[in-house]
């Protein structure tokens, strides 16, 4: 336990007056009774706490009326260039201009709107070079892109690039290497039997391309080309036959041949022999002449009028069709429109 400090008394000290007020900072004997006690002096302050005496405040000047532009917008300050400041906000020219004391600052005139360009000026000019090459019968669209990528095509003397456009009368030059490459492309003629689809495989049916094999190569072929697996690459059917039809199918790697056979402007005729049965009338009824005329010209499929066709009787139950177009199931649908049932098609 800590020892308490001992209090020492001064025997020489004067007795303490019970009526005397204790004043800090004043030492000396207590005044006699009845004597006015002096006022205590103010307590000294340190240098940090000392405050200078306040000077007399001058009379307050009359307060001026608030200026209209007391709150100046820093964004409208002409001394500050905010054109390149990312923090500045884009504002329209209709924002009210800042006002100055006594007069209004003239507002700058609005910026004139950019003239609208016609649609023809904004659209890319010309036609794609690959399309021009196809329209001129130089090659197919795919071959055109391959030749341009290989650097074999020049337009007006300059090397063409993929996606380039040119005028319809542009001079297109083809490198001889492209022609040599085109000569190596093959065309295969195939007799399609019944039960085989022309191109896309279907459930339970094989496509005709599976019949293009070295074992099926015709012995009388005089082209001198030895078939190999690379010939199947990019080999596409130029035309089609129904699964129940038999006849000639053309497979080719040359886009020019495909366009001549199945293009919109083709002049190649396709001949079909169709065995039919007339379903209207009684036994022995024949197709009326007006319906035969409709087969030649006047029928419409899918809201599109068919081109004129040559139709004639080959024998009592077989018709001969000569077409210059190839719509899906065209002959079968034409016969149905006049009451004929197709029993066989070659």
Protein backbone atom coordinates (compact mmCIF):
# COMPACT_ATOMS: atom_id res chain seq x y z
CA UNK A 1 0.00 0.00 0.00
CA UNK A 2 1.40 3.41 -1.04
CA UNK A 3 2.38 5.73 1.83
CA UNK A 4 0.40 8.96 2.03
CA UNK A 5 2.39 12.20 1.72
CA UNK A 6 2.84 14.13 4.96
CA UNK A 7 1.56 17.70 5.18
CA UNK A 8 4.05 20.20 6.64
CA UNK A 9 2.73 23.30 8.39
CA UNK A 10 4.56 26.62 8.44
CA UNK A 11 4.52 27.84 12.05
CA UNK A 12 5.61 31.35 10.96
CA UNK A 13 2.72 31.90 8.54
CA UNK A 14 0.11 34.47 9.58
CA UNK A 15 -3.24 33.17 10.60
CA UNK A 16 -5.61 32.94 7.65
CA UNK A 17 -8.44 35.42 7.59
CA UNK A 18 -11.66 33.52 7.12
CA UNK A 19 -13.22 36.53 5.31
CA UNK A 20 -10.37 36.97 2.88
CA UNK A 21 -11.02 36.04 -0.70
CA UNK A 22 -8.40 33.90 -2.23
CA UNK A 23 -6.71 35.65 -5.14
CA UNK A 24 -4.39 33.77 -7.45
CA UNK A 25 -1.09 35.35 -8.35
CA UNK A 26 -1.03 37.75 -5.37
CA UNK A 27 1.28 37.11 -2.48
CA UNK A 28 1.87 39.02 0.67
CA UNK A 29 0.27 39.52 4.03
CA UNK A 30 -3.46 39.83 4.20
CA UNK A 31 -4.76 43.41 4.62
CA UNK A 32 -6.09 44.52 7.94
CA UNK A 33 -9.76 44.29 8.63
CA UNK A 34 -11.71 47.30 7.32
CA UNK A 35 -9.14 48.12 4.63
CA UNK A 36 -10.38 47.98 1.06
CA UNK A 37 -8.94 45.06 -0.69
CA UNK A 38 -7.30 45.82 -4.03
CA UNK A 39 -8.87 44.40 -7.18
CA UNK A 40 -7.10 41.37 -8.42
CA UNK A 41 -4.96 41.91 -11.50
CA UNK A 42 -5.84 40.04 -14.64
CA UNK A 43 -4.15 36.71 -14.95
CA UNK A 44 -1.18 36.82 -17.35
CA UNK A 45 -1.50 34.91 -20.66
CA UNK A 46 1.05 33.05 -22.66
CA UNK A 47 2.33 34.30 -25.99
CA UNK A 48 0.24 31.74 -27.86
CA UNK A 49 -2.91 32.70 -26.01
CA UNK A 50 -2.34 36.46 -26.08
CA UNK A 51 -4.58 38.23 -28.57
CA UNK A 52 -3.91 41.68 -29.97
CA UNK A 53 -6.26 44.37 -29.01
CA UNK A 54 -9.03 44.75 -31.51
CA UNK A 55 -8.81 47.97 -33.51
CA UNK A 56 -11.89 50.13 -33.60
CA UNK A 57 -14.18 48.93 -36.40
CA UNK A 58 -14.88 51.55 -39.06
CA UNK A 59 -18.45 52.41 -39.83
CA UNK A 60 -20.06 49.85 -42.08
CA UNK A 61 -20.47 50.89 -45.71
CA UNK A 62 -23.90 50.58 -47.24
CA UNK A 63 -24.30 47.13 -48.84
CA UNK A 64 -24.56 47.18 -52.62
CA UNK A 65 -27.43 45.54 -54.40
CA UNK A 66 -26.70 41.96 -55.48
CA UNK A 67 -25.32 41.73 -59.02
CA UNK A 68 -27.18 39.55 -61.52
CA UNK A 69 -23.97 37.69 -62.28
CA UNK A 70 -22.95 37.21 -58.67
CA UNK A 71 -22.73 33.45 -59.31
CA UNK A 72 -20.59 33.37 -62.42
CA UNK A 73 -20.68 30.12 -64.37
CA UNK A 74 -17.11 28.97 -64.77
CA UNK A 75 -18.12 27.04 -67.85
CA UNK A 76 -19.02 30.35 -69.57
CA UNK A 77 -15.84 32.09 -68.44
CA UNK A 78 -14.07 33.27 -71.63
CA UNK A 79 -10.72 32.96 -69.80
CA UNK A 80 -11.22 29.23 -69.47
CA UNK A 81 -10.95 27.08 -72.62
CA UNK A 82 -13.17 24.04 -72.12
CA UNK A 83 -13.00 22.74 -75.67
CA UNK A 84 -10.50 20.05 -74.72
CA UNK A 85 -11.67 19.60 -71.15
CA UNK A 86 -13.28 16.13 -70.83
CA UNK A 87 -15.17 17.29 -67.75
CA UNK A 88 -17.05 19.96 -69.63
CA UNK A 89 -20.51 18.98 -70.71
CA UNK A 90 -21.76 19.51 -74.21
CA UNK A 91 -24.55 21.99 -74.25
CA UNK A 92 -26.76 23.14 -77.06
CA UNK A 93 -26.46 26.63 -78.49
CA UNK A 94 -29.86 27.52 -77.02
CA UNK A 95 -28.39 27.90 -73.49
CA UNK A 96 -28.99 31.47 -72.22
CA UNK A 97 -25.85 33.59 -72.38
CA UNK A 98 -24.38 34.96 -69.12
CA UNK A 99 -25.46 38.46 -68.14
CA UNK A 100 -23.13 41.22 -67.00
CA UNK A 101 -23.95 44.09 -64.71
CA UNK A 102 -26.00 46.69 -66.45
CA UNK A 103 -26.15 45.11 -69.92
CA UNK A 104 -26.68 41.72 -71.60
CA UNK A 105 -23.86 39.96 -73.43
CA UNK A 106 -24.84 39.29 -77.06
CA UNK A 107 -25.50 35.60 -77.69
CA UNK A 108 -23.35 34.00 -80.39
CA UNK A 109 -25.24 32.95 -83.51
CA UNK A 110 -26.18 29.23 -83.66
CA UNK A 111 -24.02 26.92 -85.74
CA UNK A 112 -25.49 26.17 -89.14
CA UNK A 113 -26.71 22.59 -89.49
CA UNK A 114 -24.75 20.32 -91.81
CA UNK A 115 -26.54 19.88 -95.14
CA UNK A 116 -28.13 16.46 -95.52
CA UNK A 117 -26.43 14.37 -98.16
CA UNK A 118 -28.60 12.50 -100.66
CA UNK A 119 -28.87 8.75 -100.28
CA UNK A 120 -27.01 8.21 -103.55
CA UNK A 121 -23.99 10.14 -102.25
CA UNK A 122 -23.71 8.11 -99.07
CA UNK A 123 -24.08 4.72 -100.76
CA UNK A 124 -20.89 3.10 -102.06
CA UNK A 125 -20.39 3.68 -105.77
CA UNK A 126 -20.01 1.00 -108.38
CA UNK A 127 -20.52 -2.75 -108.35
CA UNK A 128 -18.41 -5.39 -106.65
CA UNK A 129 -15.63 -6.62 -108.89
CA UNK A 130 -16.54 -10.26 -108.20
CA UNK A 131 -20.10 -9.59 -109.37
CA UNK A 132 -18.86 -7.89 -112.53
CA UNK A 133 -16.68 -10.90 -113.29
CA UNK A 134 -19.63 -13.24 -112.84
CA UNK A 135 -21.94 -11.12 -115.01
CA UNK A 136 -19.34 -11.10 -117.78
CA UNK A 137 -19.07 -14.88 -117.66
CA UNK A 138 -15.43 -14.88 -116.61
CA UNK A 139 -15.94 -17.22 -113.65
CA UNK A 140 -18.23 -17.96 -110.73
CA UNK A 141 -18.56 -15.71 -107.67
CA UNK A 142 -16.49 -18.08 -105.56
CA UNK A 143 -13.79 -18.32 -108.21
CA UNK A 144 -13.71 -14.52 -108.50
CA UNK A 145 -13.04 -14.15 -104.78
CA UNK A 146 -10.29 -16.80 -104.96
CA UNK A 147 -8.62 -15.10 -107.92
CA UNK A 148 -8.78 -11.65 -106.31
CA UNK A 149 -7.29 -13.04 -103.11
CA UNK A 150 -4.51 -14.69 -105.15
CA UNK A 151 -3.69 -11.38 -106.88
CA UNK A 152 -4.73 -12.56 -110.37
CA UNK A 153 -7.27 -9.77 -111.04
CA UNK A 154 -6.54 -6.17 -112.09
CA UNK A 155 -9.11 -3.40 -112.44
CA UNK A 156 -8.08 -0.56 -114.74
CA UNK A 157 -4.47 -1.66 -114.36
CA UNK A 158 -4.45 -1.76 -110.53
CA UNK A 159 -4.52 -4.95 -108.48
CA UNK A 160 -8.00 -5.66 -107.11
CA UNK A 161 -8.78 -6.39 -103.47
CA UNK A 162 -11.62 -8.34 -101.87
CA UNK A 163 -14.81 -6.29 -101.62
CA UNK A 164 -13.63 -3.67 -104.11
CA UNK A 165 -16.21 -1.84 -106.19
CA UNK A 166 -15.77 -0.57 -109.71
CA UNK A 167 -17.74 1.06 -112.50
CA UNK A 168 -19.75 -1.20 -114.76
CA UNK A 169 -17.48 -0.32 -117.68
CA UNK A 170 -14.24 -0.98 -115.79
CA UNK A 171 -11.49 -2.89 -117.61
CA UNK A 172 -10.89 -6.21 -115.81
CA UNK A 173 -7.74 -8.16 -116.65
CA UNK A 174 -7.26 -11.78 -115.57
CA UNK A 175 -3.84 -13.32 -115.03
CA UNK A 176 -3.17 -16.34 -117.31
CA UNK A 177 -2.56 -18.46 -114.23
CA UNK A 178 -6.25 -18.12 -113.38
CA UNK A 179 -7.23 -19.49 -116.78
CA UNK A 180 -4.89 -22.43 -116.32
CA UNK A 181 -6.44 -23.10 -112.92
CA UNK A 182 -9.87 -22.97 -114.48
CA UNK A 183 -8.92 -25.48 -117.16
CA UNK A 184 -8.12 -28.01 -114.47
CA UNK A 185 -11.67 -27.88 -113.11
CA UNK A 186 -13.73 -30.93 -113.99
CA UNK A 187 -17.33 -31.53 -115.04
CA UNK A 188 -18.97 -34.90 -114.41
CA UNK A 189 -22.04 -36.25 -116.25
CA UNK A 190 -24.05 -38.79 -114.26
CA UNK A 191 -27.14 -40.88 -115.04
CA UNK A 192 -29.25 -40.70 -111.89
CA UNK A 193 -31.39 -43.76 -111.15
CA UNK A 194 -34.64 -43.73 -109.18
CA UNK A 195 -34.39 -43.64 -105.38
CA UNK A 196 -31.39 -41.28 -105.37
CA UNK A 197 -31.69 -37.59 -104.49
CA UNK A 198 -29.88 -34.97 -106.53
CA UNK A 199 -27.81 -33.10 -103.95
CA UNK A 200 -28.85 -32.93 -100.30
CA UNK A 201 -29.08 -36.25 -98.47
CA UNK A 202 -32.46 -37.19 -97.04
CA UNK A 203 -33.57 -39.78 -94.49
CA UNK A 204 -32.96 -43.19 -96.01
CA UNK A 205 -31.79 -41.81 -99.39
CA UNK A 206 -28.25 -41.17 -100.60
CA UNK A 207 -27.19 -38.15 -102.67
CA UNK A 208 -26.12 -38.69 -106.26
CA UNK A 209 -22.59 -37.48 -105.52
CA UNK A 210 -21.90 -40.82 -103.84
CA UNK A 211 -22.08 -42.45 -107.28
CA UNK A 212 -19.11 -40.42 -108.56
CA UNK A 213 -16.36 -43.01 -107.93
CA UNK A 214 -13.43 -44.42 -109.93
CA UNK A 215 -15.36 -47.68 -110.37
CA UNK A 216 -18.20 -45.84 -112.14
CA UNK A 217 -15.87 -43.97 -114.52
CA UNK A 218 -17.13 -44.43 -118.11
CA UNK A 219 -14.75 -46.48 -120.22
CA UNK A 220 -15.53 -44.43 -123.32
CA UNK A 221 -14.41 -41.15 -121.74
CA UNK A 222 -12.05 -39.46 -124.22
CA UNK A 223 -11.07 -36.49 -122.00
CA UNK A 224 -7.95 -38.24 -120.74
CA UNK A 225 -8.63 -37.10 -117.13
CA UNK A 226 -7.97 -39.72 -114.50
CA UNK A 227 -10.48 -39.38 -111.68
CA UNK A 228 -9.13 -38.86 -108.15
CA UNK A 229 -10.57 -37.77 -104.82
CA UNK A 230 -9.63 -34.11 -105.33
CA UNK A 231 -12.21 -33.84 -108.10
CA UNK A 232 -14.99 -34.12 -105.52
CA UNK A 233 -13.92 -30.82 -103.97
CA UNK A 234 -16.34 -28.00 -104.85
CA UNK A 235 -18.24 -30.39 -107.12
CA UNK A 236 -21.84 -29.11 -107.17
CA UNK A 237 -24.95 -30.20 -109.05
CA UNK A 238 -26.07 -27.83 -111.81
CA UNK A 239 -29.77 -28.63 -111.68
CA UNK A 240 -31.80 -31.30 -109.97
CA UNK A 241 -34.10 -34.24 -110.54
CA UNK A 242 -36.80 -35.57 -108.23
CA UNK A 243 -36.16 -38.75 -106.31
CA UNK A 244 -38.64 -40.60 -108.53
CA UNK A 245 -37.09 -39.24 -111.76
CA UNK A 246 -34.23 -40.64 -113.81
CA UNK A 247 -31.93 -38.92 -116.24
CA UNK A 248 -28.88 -36.74 -116.71
CA UNK A 249 -27.30 -34.80 -113.83
CA UNK A 250 -24.40 -32.41 -114.32
CA UNK A 251 -21.83 -31.93 -111.55
CA UNK A 252 -19.19 -29.27 -112.16
CA UNK A 253 -16.43 -27.30 -110.47
CA UNK A 254 -16.63 -24.60 -113.14
CA UNK A 255 -18.98 -21.79 -112.25
CA UNK A 256 -19.32 -20.71 -115.88
CA UNK A 257 -20.89 -24.03 -116.82
CA UNK A 258 -23.29 -23.93 -113.87
CA UNK A 259 -24.42 -20.44 -114.81
CA UNK A 260 -25.04 -21.44 -118.44
CA UNK A 261 -27.15 -24.39 -117.33
CA UNK A 262 -29.21 -22.97 -114.46
CA UNK A 263 -28.68 -19.19 -114.64
CA UNK A 264 -31.60 -16.80 -114.92
CA UNK A 265 -30.69 -15.94 -118.50
CA UNK A 266 -29.94 -19.49 -119.61
CA UNK A 267 -30.77 -20.55 -123.17
CA UNK A 268 -29.98 -24.24 -122.66
CA UNK A 269 -33.06 -26.39 -123.17
CA UNK A 270 -33.94 -29.29 -120.86
CA UNK A 271 -35.97 -32.09 -122.37
CA UNK A 272 -38.18 -34.43 -120.34
CA UNK A 273 -40.26 -37.47 -121.28
CA UNK A 274 -43.25 -37.75 -118.94
CA UNK A 275 -45.65 -40.69 -118.75
CA UNK A 276 -49.01 -39.40 -117.58
CA UNK A 277 -52.63 -40.46 -116.94
CA UNK A 278 -55.61 -38.14 -117.31
CA UNK A 279 -57.66 -38.10 -114.09
CA UNK A 280 -60.66 -36.08 -115.29
CA UNK A 281 -63.58 -37.56 -117.23
CA UNK A 282 -64.37 -41.20 -117.79
CA UNK A 283 -62.31 -44.01 -119.28
CA UNK A 284 -60.62 -43.05 -122.53
CA UNK A 285 -60.91 -39.32 -121.86
CA UNK A 286 -58.14 -37.20 -123.35
CA UNK A 287 -56.53 -33.94 -122.27
CA UNK A 288 -58.49 -31.05 -123.83
CA UNK A 289 -56.66 -28.77 -126.23
CA UNK A 290 -57.23 -25.73 -124.03
CA UNK A 291 -55.38 -27.47 -121.17
CA UNK A 292 -52.56 -28.41 -123.55
CA UNK A 293 -52.30 -24.73 -124.47
CA UNK A 294 -52.07 -23.82 -120.77
CA UNK A 295 -49.20 -26.29 -120.37
CA UNK A 296 -47.33 -24.50 -123.14
CA UNK A 297 -47.93 -21.04 -121.65
CA UNK A 298 -50.32 -19.61 -119.09
CA UNK A 299 -49.67 -21.47 -115.81
CA UNK A 300 -48.46 -19.86 -112.59
CA UNK A 301 -46.50 -21.43 -109.75
CA UNK A 302 -46.04 -19.67 -106.41
CA UNK A 303 -47.60 -16.51 -107.86
CA UNK A 304 -44.93 -16.40 -110.59
CA UNK A 305 -45.84 -16.91 -114.24
CA UNK A 306 -43.93 -19.70 -115.97
CA UNK A 307 -41.95 -19.14 -119.10
CA UNK A 308 -43.24 -20.54 -122.39
CA UNK A 309 -42.53 -24.27 -122.82
CA UNK A 310 -42.71 -26.69 -125.73
CA UNK A 311 -45.17 -29.51 -124.89
CA UNK A 312 -46.30 -32.21 -127.29
CA UNK A 313 -47.51 -35.80 -127.29
CA UNK A 314 -44.76 -38.39 -127.72
CA UNK A 315 -47.24 -41.29 -127.81
CA UNK A 316 -50.65 -42.03 -126.35
CA UNK A 317 -49.57 -41.82 -122.70
CA UNK A 318 -46.29 -39.88 -122.85
CA UNK A 319 -45.68 -36.14 -123.14
CA UNK A 320 -42.50 -34.38 -124.22
CA UNK A 321 -41.57 -31.22 -122.30
CA UNK A 322 -38.83 -28.78 -123.35
CA UNK A 323 -38.12 -26.14 -120.67
CA UNK A 324 -35.68 -23.29 -120.23
CA UNK A 325 -36.12 -23.02 -116.49
CA UNK A 326 -36.03 -25.38 -113.57
CA UNK A 327 -38.47 -24.71 -110.76
CA UNK A 328 -38.88 -27.15 -107.89
CA UNK A 329 -41.04 -30.11 -109.05
CA UNK A 330 -42.11 -27.92 -111.95
CA UNK A 331 -43.35 -30.58 -114.40
CA UNK A 332 -45.27 -32.55 -111.76
CA UNK A 333 -47.00 -29.40 -110.50
CA UNK A 334 -47.81 -28.25 -114.03
CA UNK A 335 -49.47 -31.58 -114.78
CA UNK A 336 -51.51 -31.45 -111.57
CA UNK A 337 -52.96 -28.07 -112.57
CA UNK A 338 -54.55 -29.58 -115.71
CA UNK A 339 -55.61 -32.93 -114.20
CA UNK A 340 -52.65 -35.10 -115.22
CA UNK A 341 -50.99 -37.62 -112.93
CA UNK A 342 -47.26 -38.22 -113.50
CA UNK A 343 -46.41 -41.92 -113.59
CA UNK A 344 -42.80 -41.60 -114.69
CA UNK A 345 -40.34 -38.89 -115.63
CA UNK A 346 -37.06 -39.14 -117.56
